[in-house]
Amino acid sequence: DFEKLPDTAVLAEAAVRAREAGAAAFKAAAKLASPADMARLAEFQLMDHGIPVSTMGMGPLAPVSRLLCAQSGSVLNYGYLGATATAPGQWDSTLLKNAISRLTPLQP
């Protein structure tokens, strides 16, 4: 969602629909308006949805949110190749790989 972070219940229902449709994973990418949004996205990531989940923030809080979501267990963590990001707040892939390698996973 390029406008805002949906309610947690909306995200959870979308994860259920993805699981029931046979998806291999569920991805949630949304614009974050505040640190509280970032915390809520990480909390969603830490929940058991019965399907692998990938979460990431967009906007000014995106870079730090992408590390927090990776630390919270996000199964896909996108970095760009080349000179230009393809989404707001995306990390250079080499920098992202190095940063994630230094994180200690969080537990639910």
N, C-alpha and C. Protein backbone atom coordinates (compact mmCIF):
# COMPACT_ATOMS: atom_id res chain seq x y z
N ASP A 1 0.86 -1.17 0.00
CA ASP A 1 0.00 0.00 0.00
C ASP A 1 0.90 1.23 0.00
N PHE A 2 0.85 2.02 -1.05
CA PHE A 2 1.71 3.20 -1.18
C PHE A 2 1.18 4.40 -0.40
N GLU A 3 0.02 4.25 0.24
CA GLU A 3 -0.60 5.35 0.98
C GLU A 3 -0.41 5.24 2.49
N LYS A 4 -0.63 4.02 3.04
CA LYS A 4 -0.57 3.85 4.50
C LYS A 4 -0.46 2.37 4.84
N LEU A 5 -0.15 2.10 6.09
CA LEU A 5 -0.11 0.73 6.59
C LEU A 5 -1.53 0.30 6.93
N PRO A 6 -2.04 -0.77 6.29
CA PRO A 6 -3.38 -1.24 6.62
C PRO A 6 -3.46 -1.72 8.07
N ASP A 7 -4.68 -1.80 8.59
CA ASP A 7 -4.89 -2.35 9.93
C ASP A 7 -4.33 -3.76 9.99
N THR A 8 -3.88 -4.16 11.17
CA THR A 8 -3.33 -5.50 11.36
C THR A 8 -4.33 -6.58 10.96
N ALA A 9 -5.60 -6.38 11.28
CA ALA A 9 -6.63 -7.36 10.91
C ALA A 9 -6.74 -7.51 9.40
N VAL A 10 -6.60 -6.42 8.67
CA VAL A 10 -6.64 -6.47 7.20
C VAL A 10 -5.45 -7.26 6.67
N LEU A 11 -4.27 -7.01 7.22
CA LEU A 11 -3.08 -7.76 6.81
C LEU A 11 -3.22 -9.24 7.13
N ALA A 12 -3.73 -9.55 8.32
CA ALA A 12 -3.89 -10.95 8.72
C ALA A 12 -4.87 -11.67 7.81
N GLU A 13 -5.96 -11.02 7.44
CA GLU A 13 -6.94 -11.63 6.54
C GLU A 13 -6.34 -11.86 5.16
N ALA A 14 -5.52 -10.93 4.70
CA ALA A 14 -4.85 -11.11 3.41
C ALA A 14 -3.88 -12.28 3.46
N ALA A 15 -3.20 -12.46 4.58
CA ALA A 15 -2.29 -13.61 4.73
C ALA A 15 -3.08 -14.91 4.72
N VAL A 16 -4.25 -14.93 5.36
CA VAL A 16 -5.11 -16.12 5.34
C VAL A 16 -5.53 -16.43 3.91
N ARG A 17 -5.97 -15.42 3.17
CA ARG A 17 -6.39 -15.64 1.78
C ARG A 17 -5.23 -16.17 0.94
N ALA A 18 -4.03 -15.63 1.15
CA ALA A 18 -2.86 -16.10 0.41
C ALA A 18 -2.59 -17.57 0.73
N ARG A 19 -2.63 -17.91 2.02
CA ARG A 19 -2.40 -19.29 2.43
C ARG A 19 -3.44 -20.22 1.82
N GLU A 20 -4.71 -19.83 1.91
CA GLU A 20 -5.80 -20.67 1.39
C GLU A 20 -5.74 -20.82 -0.12
N ALA A 21 -5.16 -19.84 -0.80
CA ALA A 21 -5.02 -19.90 -2.26
C ALA A 21 -3.81 -20.73 -2.68
N GLY A 22 -3.01 -21.18 -1.70
CA GLY A 22 -1.86 -22.01 -2.00
C GLY A 22 -0.57 -21.24 -2.26
N ALA A 23 -0.53 -19.98 -1.87
CA ALA A 23 0.68 -19.17 -2.07
C ALA A 23 1.84 -19.74 -1.26
N ALA A 24 3.03 -19.57 -1.78
CA ALA A 24 4.23 -20.02 -1.08
C ALA A 24 4.62 -19.04 0.03
N ALA A 25 4.23 -17.78 -0.12
CA ALA A 25 4.55 -16.75 0.87
C ALA A 25 3.57 -15.59 0.71
N PHE A 26 3.51 -14.76 1.75
CA PHE A 26 2.67 -13.56 1.73
C PHE A 26 3.58 -12.35 1.90
N LYS A 27 3.40 -11.33 1.06
CA LYS A 27 4.22 -10.12 1.12
C LYS A 27 3.34 -8.92 1.47
N ALA A 28 3.80 -8.13 2.44
CA ALA A 28 3.12 -6.89 2.80
C ALA A 28 4.14 -5.76 2.76
N ALA A 29 3.94 -4.83 1.84
CA ALA A 29 4.78 -3.64 1.73
C ALA A 29 3.86 -2.43 1.84
N ALA A 30 4.19 -1.51 2.73
CA ALA A 30 3.31 -0.37 2.95
C ALA A 30 4.09 0.86 3.37
N LYS A 31 3.53 2.03 3.08
CA LYS A 31 4.12 3.29 3.51
C LYS A 31 3.91 3.44 5.01
N LEU A 32 4.97 3.78 5.71
CA LEU A 32 4.92 3.96 7.16
C LEU A 32 4.90 5.45 7.48
N ALA A 33 3.98 5.85 8.35
CA ALA A 33 3.84 7.26 8.71
C ALA A 33 4.49 7.61 10.04
N SER A 34 4.83 6.58 10.83
CA SER A 34 5.36 6.85 12.18
C SER A 34 6.14 5.65 12.69
N PRO A 35 6.93 5.85 13.73
CA PRO A 35 7.59 4.70 14.37
C PRO A 35 6.58 3.67 14.88
N ALA A 36 5.39 4.12 15.28
CA ALA A 36 4.35 3.18 15.73
C ALA A 36 3.94 2.26 14.58
N ASP A 37 3.84 2.79 13.37
CA ASP A 37 3.54 1.95 12.20
C ASP A 37 4.64 0.90 12.02
N MET A 38 5.89 1.34 12.16
CA MET A 38 7.01 0.42 12.00
C MET A 38 6.94 -0.70 13.03
N ALA A 39 6.64 -0.36 14.27
CA ALA A 39 6.52 -1.37 15.32
C ALA A 39 5.37 -2.32 15.03
N ARG A 40 4.26 -1.79 14.54
CA ARG A 40 3.09 -2.64 14.24
C ARG A 40 3.41 -3.60 13.09
N LEU A 41 4.15 -3.14 12.09
CA LEU A 41 4.53 -4.02 10.99
C LEU A 41 5.45 -5.14 11.48
N ALA A 42 6.40 -4.80 12.34
CA ALA A 42 7.29 -5.82 12.91
C ALA A 42 6.52 -6.80 13.78
N GLU A 43 5.56 -6.31 14.55
CA GLU A 43 4.73 -7.19 15.38
C GLU A 43 3.94 -8.15 14.50
N PHE A 44 3.40 -7.64 13.39
CA PHE A 44 2.69 -8.51 12.44
C PHE A 44 3.64 -9.59 11.92
N GLN A 45 4.87 -9.20 11.60
CA GLN A 45 5.85 -10.15 11.09
C GLN A 45 6.13 -11.26 12.10
N LEU A 46 6.17 -10.93 13.36
CA LEU A 46 6.48 -11.90 14.40
C LEU A 46 5.35 -12.89 14.68
N MET A 47 4.13 -12.59 14.22
CA MET A 47 2.99 -13.48 14.45
C MET A 47 3.06 -14.69 13.52
N ASP A 48 2.46 -15.79 13.96
CA ASP A 48 2.38 -17.00 13.14
C ASP A 48 1.13 -16.90 12.27
N HIS A 49 1.34 -16.84 10.95
CA HIS A 49 0.23 -16.74 10.01
C HIS A 49 0.02 -18.04 9.23
N GLY A 50 0.79 -19.07 9.55
CA GLY A 50 0.64 -20.34 8.85
C GLY A 50 1.19 -20.30 7.43
N ILE A 51 1.93 -19.26 7.11
CA ILE A 51 2.54 -19.09 5.79
C ILE A 51 3.77 -18.20 5.99
N PRO A 52 4.85 -18.44 5.26
CA PRO A 52 5.99 -17.53 5.36
C PRO A 52 5.57 -16.11 4.98
N VAL A 53 6.05 -15.13 5.72
CA VAL A 53 5.65 -13.73 5.52
C VAL A 53 6.87 -12.86 5.24
N SER A 54 6.69 -11.94 4.30
CA SER A 54 7.70 -10.93 3.99
C SER A 54 7.07 -9.57 4.22
N THR A 55 7.70 -8.75 5.07
CA THR A 55 7.19 -7.41 5.33
C THR A 55 8.28 -6.39 5.08
N MET A 56 7.85 -5.21 4.66
CA MET A 56 8.79 -4.11 4.45
C MET A 56 8.04 -2.80 4.44
N GLY A 57 8.68 -1.77 4.96
CA GLY A 57 8.10 -0.45 4.95
C GLY A 57 8.61 0.35 3.76
N MET A 58 7.84 1.38 3.43
CA MET A 58 8.24 2.33 2.38
C MET A 58 8.15 3.73 2.96
N GLY A 59 8.86 4.66 2.35
CA GLY A 59 8.85 6.05 2.80
C GLY A 59 10.07 6.34 3.67
N PRO A 60 10.04 7.47 4.41
CA PRO A 60 11.20 7.89 5.20
C PRO A 60 11.68 6.86 6.23
N LEU A 61 10.77 6.05 6.76
CA LEU A 61 11.16 5.03 7.75
C LEU A 61 11.53 3.70 7.10
N ALA A 62 11.48 3.63 5.79
CA ALA A 62 11.73 2.36 5.10
C ALA A 62 13.08 1.73 5.41
N PRO A 63 14.18 2.45 5.33
CA PRO A 63 15.46 1.77 5.54
C PRO A 63 15.56 1.06 6.89
N VAL A 64 15.21 1.73 7.96
CA VAL A 64 15.30 1.09 9.27
C VAL A 64 14.22 0.02 9.43
N SER A 65 13.04 0.24 8.85
CA SER A 65 11.98 -0.76 8.97
C SER A 65 12.35 -2.05 8.26
N ARG A 66 13.07 -1.93 7.17
CA ARG A 66 13.45 -3.14 6.43
C ARG A 66 14.44 -3.98 7.23
N LEU A 67 15.28 -3.32 8.01
CA LEU A 67 16.17 -4.08 8.90
C LEU A 67 15.37 -4.71 10.03
N LEU A 68 14.46 -3.95 10.64
CA LEU A 68 13.65 -4.48 11.73
C LEU A 68 12.79 -5.65 11.26
N CYS A 69 12.20 -5.54 10.08
CA CYS A 69 11.38 -6.63 9.56
C CYS A 69 12.24 -7.87 9.26
N ALA A 70 13.43 -7.66 8.72
CA ALA A 70 14.35 -8.78 8.49
C ALA A 70 14.70 -9.44 9.82
N GLN A 71 14.98 -8.63 10.82
CA GLN A 71 15.32 -9.15 12.14
C GLN A 71 14.14 -9.89 12.76
N SER A 72 12.92 -9.50 12.37
CA SER A 72 11.70 -10.12 12.90
C SER A 72 11.30 -11.36 12.11
N GLY A 73 12.08 -11.72 11.07
CA GLY A 73 11.84 -12.96 10.35
C GLY A 73 11.32 -12.83 8.94
N SER A 74 11.30 -11.63 8.37
CA SER A 74 10.83 -11.47 7.00
C SER A 74 11.62 -12.39 6.07
N VAL A 75 10.90 -13.17 5.27
CA VAL A 75 11.56 -14.19 4.44
C VAL A 75 12.13 -13.63 3.14
N LEU A 76 11.66 -12.46 2.72
CA LEU A 76 12.20 -11.79 1.53
C LEU A 76 12.61 -10.38 1.93
N ASN A 77 13.82 -10.02 1.59
CA ASN A 77 14.33 -8.69 1.93
C ASN A 77 14.98 -8.12 0.67
N TYR A 78 14.31 -7.17 0.07
CA TYR A 78 14.71 -6.67 -1.24
C TYR A 78 15.75 -5.56 -1.15
N GLY A 79 16.79 -5.71 -1.95
CA GLY A 79 17.77 -4.66 -2.17
C GLY A 79 17.90 -4.44 -3.66
N TYR A 80 18.30 -3.26 -4.06
CA TYR A 80 18.41 -3.00 -5.50
C TYR A 80 19.81 -3.31 -6.00
N LEU A 81 19.86 -3.69 -7.27
CA LEU A 81 21.12 -3.90 -7.98
C LEU A 81 21.31 -2.71 -8.91
N GLY A 82 22.52 -2.29 -9.09
CA GLY A 82 22.76 -1.14 -9.97
C GLY A 82 22.79 0.16 -9.19
N ALA A 83 22.38 1.24 -9.85
CA ALA A 83 22.54 2.57 -9.26
C ALA A 83 21.26 3.17 -8.69
N THR A 84 20.10 2.56 -8.95
CA THR A 84 18.85 3.20 -8.57
C THR A 84 17.91 2.24 -7.85
N ALA A 85 17.35 2.70 -6.74
CA ALA A 85 16.35 1.92 -6.01
C ALA A 85 15.09 1.79 -6.87
N THR A 86 14.39 0.67 -6.71
CA THR A 86 13.15 0.44 -7.45
C THR A 86 11.92 0.67 -6.59
N ALA A 87 12.12 0.96 -5.31
CA ALA A 87 11.01 1.25 -4.39
C ALA A 87 11.52 2.25 -3.35
N PRO A 88 10.60 3.05 -2.79
CA PRO A 88 11.02 4.05 -1.79
C PRO A 88 11.67 3.41 -0.56
N GLY A 89 12.88 3.85 -0.23
CA GLY A 89 13.57 3.37 0.96
C GLY A 89 14.34 2.07 0.79
N GLN A 90 14.43 1.59 -0.42
CA GLN A 90 15.13 0.32 -0.67
C GLN A 90 16.64 0.50 -0.50
N TRP A 91 17.27 -0.51 0.07
CA TRP A 91 18.72 -0.52 0.29
C TRP A 91 19.45 -1.02 -0.96
N ASP A 92 20.68 -0.60 -1.12
CA ASP A 92 21.59 -1.24 -2.05
C ASP A 92 21.75 -2.69 -1.57
N SER A 93 21.71 -3.64 -2.49
CA SER A 93 21.68 -5.06 -2.09
C SER A 93 22.91 -5.48 -1.29
N THR A 94 24.08 -4.96 -1.62
CA THR A 94 25.29 -5.33 -0.87
C THR A 94 25.24 -4.78 0.54
N LEU A 95 24.82 -3.52 0.68
CA LEU A 95 24.70 -2.94 2.02
C LEU A 95 23.65 -3.68 2.85
N LEU A 96 22.52 -4.03 2.23
CA LEU A 96 21.47 -4.74 2.94
C LEU A 96 21.96 -6.10 3.42
N LYS A 97 22.63 -6.83 2.56
CA LYS A 97 23.15 -8.14 2.95
C LYS A 97 24.11 -8.01 4.13
N ASN A 98 24.99 -7.04 4.09
CA ASN A 98 25.94 -6.84 5.18
C ASN A 98 25.24 -6.44 6.47
N ALA A 99 24.26 -5.56 6.39
CA ALA A 99 23.54 -5.12 7.59
C ALA A 99 22.75 -6.27 8.21
N ILE A 100 22.04 -7.04 7.38
CA ILE A 100 21.24 -8.16 7.89
C ILE A 100 22.13 -9.21 8.54
N SER A 101 23.33 -9.40 8.00
CA SER A 101 24.23 -10.42 8.56
C SER A 101 24.66 -10.09 9.99
N ARG A 102 24.49 -8.85 10.41
CA ARG A 102 24.89 -8.42 11.75
C ARG A 102 23.74 -8.45 12.76
N LEU A 103 22.54 -8.77 12.30
CA LEU A 103 21.37 -8.76 13.17
C LEU A 103 21.19 -10.06 13.93
N THR A 104 20.66 -9.97 15.12
CA THR A 104 20.27 -11.14 15.90
C THR A 104 18.76 -11.30 15.73
N PRO A 105 18.28 -12.48 15.29
CA PRO A 105 16.84 -12.65 15.08
C PRO A 105 16.03 -12.41 16.36
N LEU A 106 14.88 -11.76 16.20
CA LEU A 106 13.95 -11.56 17.31
C LEU A 106 13.03 -12.76 17.42
N GLN A 107 12.57 -13.03 18.61
CA GLN A 107 11.64 -14.13 18.84
C GLN A 107 10.26 -13.56 19.14
N PRO A 108 9.20 -14.26 18.70
CA PRO A 108 7.83 -13.79 19.00
C PRO A 108 7.55 -13.75 20.49
